[in-house]
Amino acid sequence: MAANQFENDRFKPKVSTDEWSRVRDGVHAYGDRLLEWQGKERLVKTHRALQGRPEQLIYRIGLAMNQIQARYHDSLFVCGGQGRLLSERVVAVYLGRPKQNKYPPESNKSRIIRAKNENHISHEVFQNLVKLNNFGNRVDHDDLLDLKPFEKAEIVDAAYIVSKWVLENNGPRISHNVNIQQPQLKSGTSVFLRTWLGCYIDVQGDEDNNNVRANWNEHGLWQWLRIEKCDPDASNIIKTGDRVALRAHNDKYVAVGTEEDDSFGLIANWFDPGYRVGSATNFIIENEDSTRNRTIESGDVIFLKSDAAVETGANGNYIEFNDGGIRGRTQSNTRSEGAQLVVEFARE
């Protein structure tokens, strides 16, 4: 984040650097928490899935505040332009993005007025949004007066007021997206599965080594898996109790061996997902509290129980990893610490 001190400039805004930074970081962190699917640690951002949604816009309000602070001493153009962008994002939080096919396009000032008339924003916020819009227009319209150095202080004060208001009044006032939900696990979702050791399940996938292990604490090609629902329905949402298959990067499916020939070791050497009861590639997915039909989100603790045929000896046993670098096995029907897996959605 920008560290410039407003107090060191000849033209000081009314708001202090500390007050500004608290709001800037608060707005950024609020949007950032919603932009990122979180479990026990920060996960990859999904900007495409959230394009134009309030959480993304709130996140970008924080980015605009950061740019204004970073260039406060040396660029009126950046301060004015980012101030106008900030005003556009604030309005879009409550009205949604402007319609692309509308002609003539609705101006930002018209949208600010509409947001006020529809009671989305307070009168003070309305006044400061208009001010930011007008300052922004003056940096790139040749027929308008150029910004004066002392006016950058007004830009900072106006941006602070509206950003603070958004931070304190988002939630129920976001009329077009009241319920912000985390994405749910669906058939075809790319994931990484983290073991209790902190390492991720991996499949090297060459002819000599198709074993399924947990060697490294990283997201790479070998750690990439795709979860497929064996009994797909209209929604394709995967819930606790569903049968699933795991496809590795080499397009082969994870399967369990037998007690006789493989000591129940996991191996990725099946091209056929075997969407049928009793297949060695099928697993029952369970969440931590065993609640049936519960949806699964990134960051959830899950267990995978083999649905292989009874005669294999692995039926009802859980995938588990009991030591780093050791091959995963299905030798126990107990949900032990070694059977815990944290599901993390991968970047698509």
Protein backbone atom coordinates (compact mmCIF):
# COMPACT_ATOMS: atom_id res chain seq x y z
CA MET A 1 0.00 0.00 0.00
CA ALA A 2 1.05 3.61 -0.59
CA ALA A 3 2.95 5.17 2.28
CA ASN A 4 3.00 8.86 1.23
CA GLN A 5 2.19 11.27 4.05
CA PHE A 6 -0.32 13.98 3.14
CA GLU A 7 1.11 16.13 5.94
CA ASN A 8 4.41 16.42 4.06
CA ASP A 9 2.76 18.21 1.14
CA ARG A 10 2.30 21.96 0.85
CA PHE A 11 -1.43 21.45 0.32
CA LYS A 12 -2.72 19.35 3.18
CA PRO A 13 -6.20 17.80 3.16
CA LYS A 14 -8.42 17.94 6.25
CA VAL A 15 -8.20 14.17 6.71
CA SER A 16 -5.00 12.86 8.27
CA THR A 17 -2.86 10.17 6.64
CA ASP A 18 -3.72 7.78 9.46
CA GLU A 19 -7.48 8.30 9.07
CA TRP A 20 -7.21 7.90 5.29
CA SER A 21 -5.10 4.74 5.60
CA ARG A 22 -7.53 3.09 8.00
CA VAL A 23 -10.44 3.60 5.60
CA ARG A 24 -8.34 2.69 2.55
CA ASP A 25 -7.15 -0.54 4.14
CA GLY A 26 -10.64 -1.29 5.48
CA VAL A 27 -12.33 -0.90 2.10
CA HIS A 28 -9.60 -2.87 0.37
CA ALA A 29 -9.70 -5.66 2.96
CA TYR A 30 -13.51 -5.85 2.88
CA GLY A 31 -13.59 -6.30 -0.87
CA ASP A 32 -10.51 -8.52 -0.76
CA ARG A 33 -12.15 -10.94 1.67
CA LEU A 34 -15.11 -11.30 -0.66
CA LEU A 35 -13.00 -11.50 -3.79
CA GLU A 36 -11.02 -14.40 -2.41
CA TRP A 37 -12.48 -17.76 -1.50
CA GLN A 38 -11.05 -18.39 1.91
CA GLY A 39 -10.69 -21.44 4.05
CA LYS A 40 -7.83 -21.55 6.51
CA GLU A 41 -5.59 -19.45 4.28
CA ARG A 42 -5.78 -17.00 1.38
CA LEU A 43 -6.74 -18.60 -1.91
CA VAL A 44 -6.60 -17.50 -5.52
CA LYS A 45 -8.74 -14.59 -6.63
CA THR A 46 -11.53 -15.21 -9.08
CA HIS A 47 -11.96 -11.91 -10.85
CA ARG A 48 -13.78 -13.40 -13.81
CA ALA A 49 -16.48 -14.94 -11.64
CA LEU A 50 -16.97 -11.66 -9.74
CA GLN A 51 -16.67 -9.22 -12.63
CA GLY A 52 -18.83 -6.18 -11.93
CA ARG A 53 -20.16 -7.45 -8.61
CA PRO A 54 -20.22 -5.16 -5.53
CA GLU A 55 -17.41 -6.99 -3.78
CA GLN A 56 -15.08 -6.41 -6.74
CA LEU A 57 -16.08 -2.76 -6.94
CA ILE A 58 -15.47 -2.23 -3.22
CA TYR A 59 -12.06 -3.84 -3.62
CA ARG A 60 -11.29 -1.43 -6.47
CA ILE A 61 -12.38 1.57 -4.42
CA GLY A 62 -9.47 0.66 -2.17
CA LEU A 63 -7.17 0.47 -5.20
CA ALA A 64 -8.23 3.97 -6.31
CA MET A 65 -7.56 5.35 -2.83
CA ASN A 66 -4.12 3.79 -2.95
CA GLN A 67 -3.33 5.40 -6.32
CA ILE A 68 -4.48 8.83 -5.12
CA GLN A 69 -2.21 8.61 -2.09
CA ALA A 70 0.75 7.22 -4.05
CA ARG A 71 0.68 10.08 -6.60
CA TYR A 72 -0.57 12.89 -4.34
CA HIS A 73 2.74 14.78 -4.44
CA ASP A 74 3.44 14.63 -8.17
CA SER A 75 0.35 14.04 -10.34
CA LEU A 76 -2.86 16.06 -10.45
CA PHE A 77 -3.87 13.92 -13.43
CA VAL A 78 -3.79 10.71 -11.40
CA CYS A 79 -5.52 12.27 -8.39
CA GLY A 80 -8.35 13.67 -10.50
CA GLY A 81 -8.74 10.61 -12.71
CA GLN A 82 -8.68 8.12 -9.86
CA GLY A 83 -11.13 10.28 -7.92
CA ARG A 84 -13.61 10.07 -10.77
CA LEU A 85 -13.05 6.31 -11.11
CA LEU A 86 -13.70 5.98 -7.39
CA SER A 87 -17.00 7.84 -7.76
CA GLU A 88 -18.04 5.58 -10.65
CA ARG A 89 -17.29 2.46 -8.58
CA VAL A 90 -19.21 3.75 -5.57
CA VAL A 91 -22.29 4.37 -7.70
CA ALA A 92 -21.91 0.98 -9.42
CA VAL A 93 -21.93 -0.75 -6.02
CA TYR A 94 -25.56 0.34 -5.63
CA LEU A 95 -26.81 0.62 -9.22
CA GLY A 96 -24.71 -2.03 -10.92
CA ARG A 97 -22.49 -1.33 -13.90
CA PRO A 98 -23.85 0.92 -16.68
CA LYS A 99 -25.67 -0.95 -19.44
CA GLN A 100 -23.36 -1.29 -22.41
CA ASN A 101 -26.09 -1.28 -25.05
CA LYS A 102 -27.91 1.80 -23.77
CA TYR A 103 -27.87 4.80 -26.11
CA PRO A 104 -27.15 7.49 -25.35
CA PRO A 105 -25.05 6.09 -22.48
CA GLU A 106 -25.97 7.27 -19.00
CA SER A 107 -23.36 9.71 -17.69
CA ASN A 108 -21.71 9.21 -14.32
CA LYS A 109 -23.32 12.43 -13.07
CA SER A 110 -26.77 11.16 -14.10
CA ARG A 111 -26.10 7.91 -12.26
CA ILE A 112 -25.00 9.81 -9.16
CA ILE A 113 -28.28 11.75 -9.23
CA ARG A 114 -30.24 8.52 -9.70
CA ALA A 115 -28.46 6.88 -6.77
CA LYS A 116 -29.47 9.88 -4.62
CA ASN A 117 -33.08 9.89 -5.87
CA GLU A 118 -33.40 6.16 -5.15
CA ASN A 119 -32.07 6.72 -1.60
CA HIS A 120 -28.97 4.58 -2.03
CA ILE A 121 -26.64 7.32 -0.79
CA SER A 122 -26.78 10.20 1.68
CA HIS A 123 -26.85 13.87 0.68
CA GLU A 124 -23.26 14.36 1.88
CA VAL A 125 -22.06 11.41 -0.20
CA PHE A 126 -24.01 12.76 -3.19
CA GLN A 127 -22.28 16.14 -2.94
CA ASN A 128 -18.83 14.61 -2.73
CA LEU A 129 -19.46 12.17 -5.58
CA VAL A 130 -20.45 15.10 -7.79
CA LYS A 131 -17.29 16.91 -6.71
CA LEU A 132 -15.08 13.91 -7.59
CA ASN A 133 -16.81 13.54 -10.96
CA ASN A 134 -16.29 17.21 -11.78
CA PHE A 135 -12.62 17.18 -10.77
CA GLY A 136 -12.07 14.07 -12.88
CA ASN A 137 -13.67 15.67 -15.93
CA ARG A 138 -11.30 18.58 -15.67
CA VAL A 139 -8.17 16.44 -16.07
CA ASP A 140 -9.08 15.15 -19.54
CA HIS A 141 -11.44 17.73 -21.08
CA ASP A 142 -9.62 20.49 -22.97
CA ASP A 143 -12.54 22.90 -22.73
CA LEU A 144 -12.59 22.80 -18.90
CA LEU A 145 -10.31 24.57 -16.44
CA ASP A 146 -7.20 22.66 -15.43
CA LEU A 147 -6.99 21.41 -11.87
CA LYS A 148 -5.12 23.64 -9.45
CA PRO A 149 -2.61 22.11 -7.01
CA PHE A 150 -4.63 23.10 -3.94
CA GLU A 151 -7.68 21.24 -5.28
CA LYS A 152 -6.04 17.86 -4.84
CA ALA A 153 -6.68 18.26 -1.11
CA GLU A 154 -10.41 18.53 -1.86
CA ILE A 155 -10.20 15.35 -3.94
CA VAL A 156 -8.68 13.47 -1.00
CA ASP A 157 -11.27 14.76 1.46
CA ALA A 158 -14.15 13.90 -0.88
CA ALA A 159 -12.77 10.43 -1.62
CA TYR A 160 -12.32 9.80 2.10
CA ILE A 161 -15.91 10.77 2.91
CA VAL A 162 -17.53 8.54 0.29
CA SER A 163 -15.20 5.59 0.88
CA LYS A 164 -15.77 5.73 4.63
CA TRP A 165 -19.51 5.80 3.98
CA VAL A 166 -19.31 2.72 1.73
CA LEU A 167 -17.27 0.86 4.34
CA GLU A 168 -19.80 1.63 7.08
CA ASN A 169 -22.99 1.27 5.02
CA ASN A 170 -22.47 -1.53 2.48
CA GLY A 171 -24.30 -4.77 3.46
CA PRO A 172 -28.09 -4.38 3.22
CA ARG A 173 -27.88 -1.21 1.12
CA ILE A 174 -26.44 -3.20 -1.80
CA SER A 175 -29.83 -3.71 -3.39
CA HIS A 176 -28.85 -5.69 -6.49
CA ASN A 177 -26.72 -8.27 -4.66
CA VAL A 178 -27.81 -8.62 -1.05
CA ASN A 179 -26.74 -12.22 -0.57
CA ILE A 180 -23.03 -12.63 -1.24
CA GLN A 181 -22.26 -16.34 -1.26
CA GLN A 182 -19.06 -18.28 -1.64
CA PRO A 183 -18.86 -20.45 -4.76
CA GLN A 184 -19.91 -24.07 -4.32
CA LEU A 185 -18.07 -27.17 -5.44
CA LYS A 186 -19.51 -28.41 -8.74
CA SER A 187 -18.79 -31.30 -11.03
CA GLY A 188 -15.78 -30.35 -13.16
CA THR A 189 -14.26 -27.97 -10.60
CA SER A 190 -10.45 -27.92 -10.58
CA VAL A 191 -9.06 -28.29 -7.07
CA PHE A 192 -6.02 -28.88 -4.93
CA LEU A 193 -6.42 -31.24 -1.96
CA ARG A 194 -4.27 -30.37 1.05
CA THR A 195 -3.47 -33.10 3.54
CA TRP A 196 -3.12 -32.61 7.30
CA LEU A 197 0.66 -32.59 6.74
CA GLY A 198 0.40 -29.35 4.75
CA CYS A 199 1.41 -31.10 1.50
CA TYR A 200 -0.95 -31.46 -1.46
CA ILE A 201 -2.00 -34.68 -3.13
CA ASP A 202 0.05 -35.12 -6.30
CA VAL A 203 0.20 -37.43 -9.31
CA GLN A 204 3.46 -37.40 -11.28
CA GLY A 205 1.70 -39.27 -14.04
CA ASP A 206 4.53 -40.84 -16.02
CA GLU A 207 4.48 -44.47 -17.14
CA ASP A 208 6.77 -45.58 -14.34
CA ASN A 209 5.10 -43.65 -11.54
CA ASN A 210 1.34 -43.28 -11.34
CA ASN A 211 1.27 -43.45 -7.55
CA VAL A 212 -0.76 -40.88 -5.66
CA ARG A 213 1.32 -39.20 -2.95
CA ALA A 214 1.58 -35.97 -0.93
CA ASN A 215 5.09 -34.63 -1.45
CA TRP A 216 5.10 -30.83 -1.68
CA ASN A 217 3.40 -27.75 -0.26
CA GLU A 218 2.70 -26.10 -3.60
CA HIS A 219 0.09 -25.68 -6.33
CA GLY A 220 1.54 -27.20 -9.49
CA LEU A 221 0.55 -29.36 -12.44
CA TRP A 222 1.07 -32.59 -10.51
CA GLN A 223 -1.20 -31.33 -7.70
CA TRP A 224 -4.03 -30.36 -10.06
CA LEU A 225 -7.15 -32.50 -9.82
CA ARG A 226 -10.64 -32.24 -11.27
CA ILE A 227 -13.59 -33.50 -9.25
CA GLU A 228 -16.38 -35.08 -11.30
CA LYS A 229 -19.77 -36.08 -9.99
CA CYS A 230 -20.61 -39.70 -10.79
CA ASP A 231 -24.38 -39.11 -10.70
CA PRO A 232 -24.76 -35.70 -12.34
CA ASP A 233 -27.99 -33.75 -12.07
CA ALA A 234 -29.24 -30.45 -13.45
CA SER A 235 -27.24 -28.29 -11.02
CA ASN A 236 -24.06 -30.44 -10.95
CA ILE A 237 -23.46 -29.14 -7.41
CA ILE A 238 -21.50 -31.65 -5.33
CA LYS A 239 -22.84 -32.26 -1.83
CA THR A 240 -21.89 -34.44 1.09
CA GLY A 241 -22.77 -38.06 0.33
CA ASP A 242 -22.32 -37.77 -3.44
CA ARG A 243 -20.13 -40.19 -5.40
CA VAL A 244 -17.22 -38.46 -7.12
CA ALA A 245 -14.17 -39.33 -9.22
CA LEU A 246 -10.79 -37.55 -9.28
CA ARG A 247 -9.17 -36.90 -12.66
CA ALA A 248 -5.45 -36.04 -12.66
CA HIS A 249 -3.51 -33.85 -15.09
CA ASN A 250 -2.68 -36.90 -17.25
CA ASP A 251 -6.43 -37.50 -17.81
CA LYS A 252 -6.30 -40.67 -15.72
CA TYR A 253 -8.51 -41.26 -12.71
CA VAL A 254 -7.40 -41.96 -9.16
CA ALA A 255 -8.30 -45.51 -8.11
CA VAL A 256 -7.68 -47.84 -5.18
CA GLY A 257 -5.72 -51.05 -5.47
CA THR A 258 -6.61 -54.31 -3.77
CA GLU A 259 -5.17 -55.72 -0.60
CA GLU A 260 -3.64 -58.62 -2.46
CA ASP A 261 -1.76 -56.80 -5.20
CA ASP A 262 -1.39 -53.20 -4.02
CA SER A 263 -1.94 -52.93 -0.25
CA PHE A 264 -4.85 -50.57 -0.95
CA GLY A 265 -2.46 -47.98 -2.41
CA LEU A 266 -3.82 -45.13 -4.51
CA ILE A 267 -2.85 -45.06 -8.18
CA ALA A 268 -3.86 -42.87 -11.13
CA ASN A 269 -3.94 -45.24 -14.09
CA TRP A 270 -7.60 -45.51 -15.15
CA PHE A 271 -8.89 -43.71 -18.25
CA ASP A 272 -12.42 -44.88 -17.45
CA PRO A 273 -14.01 -42.91 -14.60
CA GLY A 274 -16.33 -45.83 -13.99
CA TYR A 275 -19.49 -43.92 -13.13
CA ARG A 276 -21.09 -46.97 -11.54
CA VAL A 277 -21.50 -48.25 -8.03
CA GLY A 278 -18.52 -50.35 -6.97
CA SER A 279 -15.97 -48.80 -9.30
CA ALA A 280 -12.43 -48.49 -7.95
CA THR A 281 -12.39 -44.85 -9.10
CA ASN A 282 -15.46 -43.82 -7.11
CA PHE A 283 -15.34 -42.11 -3.72
CA ILE A 284 -18.04 -40.84 -1.38
CA ILE A 285 -17.34 -37.23 -0.43
CA GLU A 286 -18.13 -36.21 3.14
CA ASN A 287 -17.79 -32.93 4.98
CA GLU A 288 -16.35 -32.58 8.46
CA ASP A 289 -19.64 -32.86 10.37
CA SER A 290 -21.17 -35.55 8.10
CA THR A 291 -24.20 -33.37 7.27
CA ARG A 292 -25.82 -34.97 4.22
CA ASN A 293 -26.72 -32.80 1.23
CA ARG A 294 -24.56 -29.97 2.55
CA THR A 295 -22.77 -28.02 -0.17
CA ILE A 296 -18.99 -27.82 -0.12
CA GLU A 297 -16.95 -24.62 -0.44
CA SER A 298 -13.30 -23.86 -0.94
CA GLY A 299 -11.51 -24.23 2.38
CA ASP A 300 -13.81 -26.94 3.73
CA VAL A 301 -12.39 -30.06 5.38
CA ILE A 302 -13.57 -33.16 3.52
CA PHE A 303 -13.08 -36.93 3.63
CA LEU A 304 -13.09 -39.29 0.65
CA LYS A 305 -14.40 -42.79 1.30
CA SER A 306 -13.81 -45.57 -1.22
CA ASP A 307 -16.90 -46.87 -2.99
CA ALA A 308 -14.99 -49.74 -4.57
CA ALA A 309 -16.59 -53.18 -4.73
CA VAL A 310 -16.77 -55.02 -1.41
CA GLU A 311 -14.57 -57.82 -2.72
CA THR A 312 -11.65 -55.43 -3.14
CA GLY A 313 -11.44 -55.02 0.63
CA ALA A 314 -11.26 -51.22 0.29
CA ASN A 315 -14.98 -50.47 0.34
CA GLY A 316 -15.84 -48.01 3.11
CA ASN A 317 -12.22 -47.12 3.81
CA TYR A 318 -11.00 -43.53 3.69
CA ILE A 319 -8.16 -42.05 1.64
CA GLU A 320 -5.43 -41.15 4.11
CA PHE A 321 -1.87 -39.86 4.11
CA ASN A 322 0.04 -40.64 7.26
CA ASP A 323 3.51 -39.38 6.42
CA GLY A 324 5.07 -36.90 4.01
CA GLY A 325 5.95 -38.36 0.61
CA ILE A 326 4.25 -41.65 1.45
CA ARG A 327 1.72 -43.05 -0.96
CA GLY A 328 -1.92 -42.51 -0.10
CA ARG A 329 -3.86 -45.60 0.95
CA THR A 330 -7.35 -46.74 1.89
CA GLN A 331 -6.71 -49.12 4.73
CA SER A 332 -9.02 -47.81 7.47
CA ASN A 333 -12.73 -47.07 7.81
CA THR A 334 -11.98 -44.48 10.51
CA ARG A 335 -11.96 -40.75 9.78
CA SER A 336 -8.52 -40.23 11.25
CA GLU A 337 -6.36 -37.12 11.21
CA GLY A 338 -4.55 -38.54 8.20
CA ALA A 339 -7.84 -38.73 6.30
CA GLN A 340 -8.55 -35.02 6.55
CA LEU A 341 -8.32 -33.11 3.27
CA VAL A 342 -8.83 -29.39 2.71
CA VAL A 343 -10.35 -28.63 -0.69
CA GLU A 344 -9.02 -25.52 -2.42
CA PHE A 345 -10.45 -24.31 -5.70
CA ALA A 346 -7.86 -23.81 -8.44
CA ARG A 347 -7.64 -20.91 -10.88
CA GLU A 348 -9.53 -21.80 -14.05
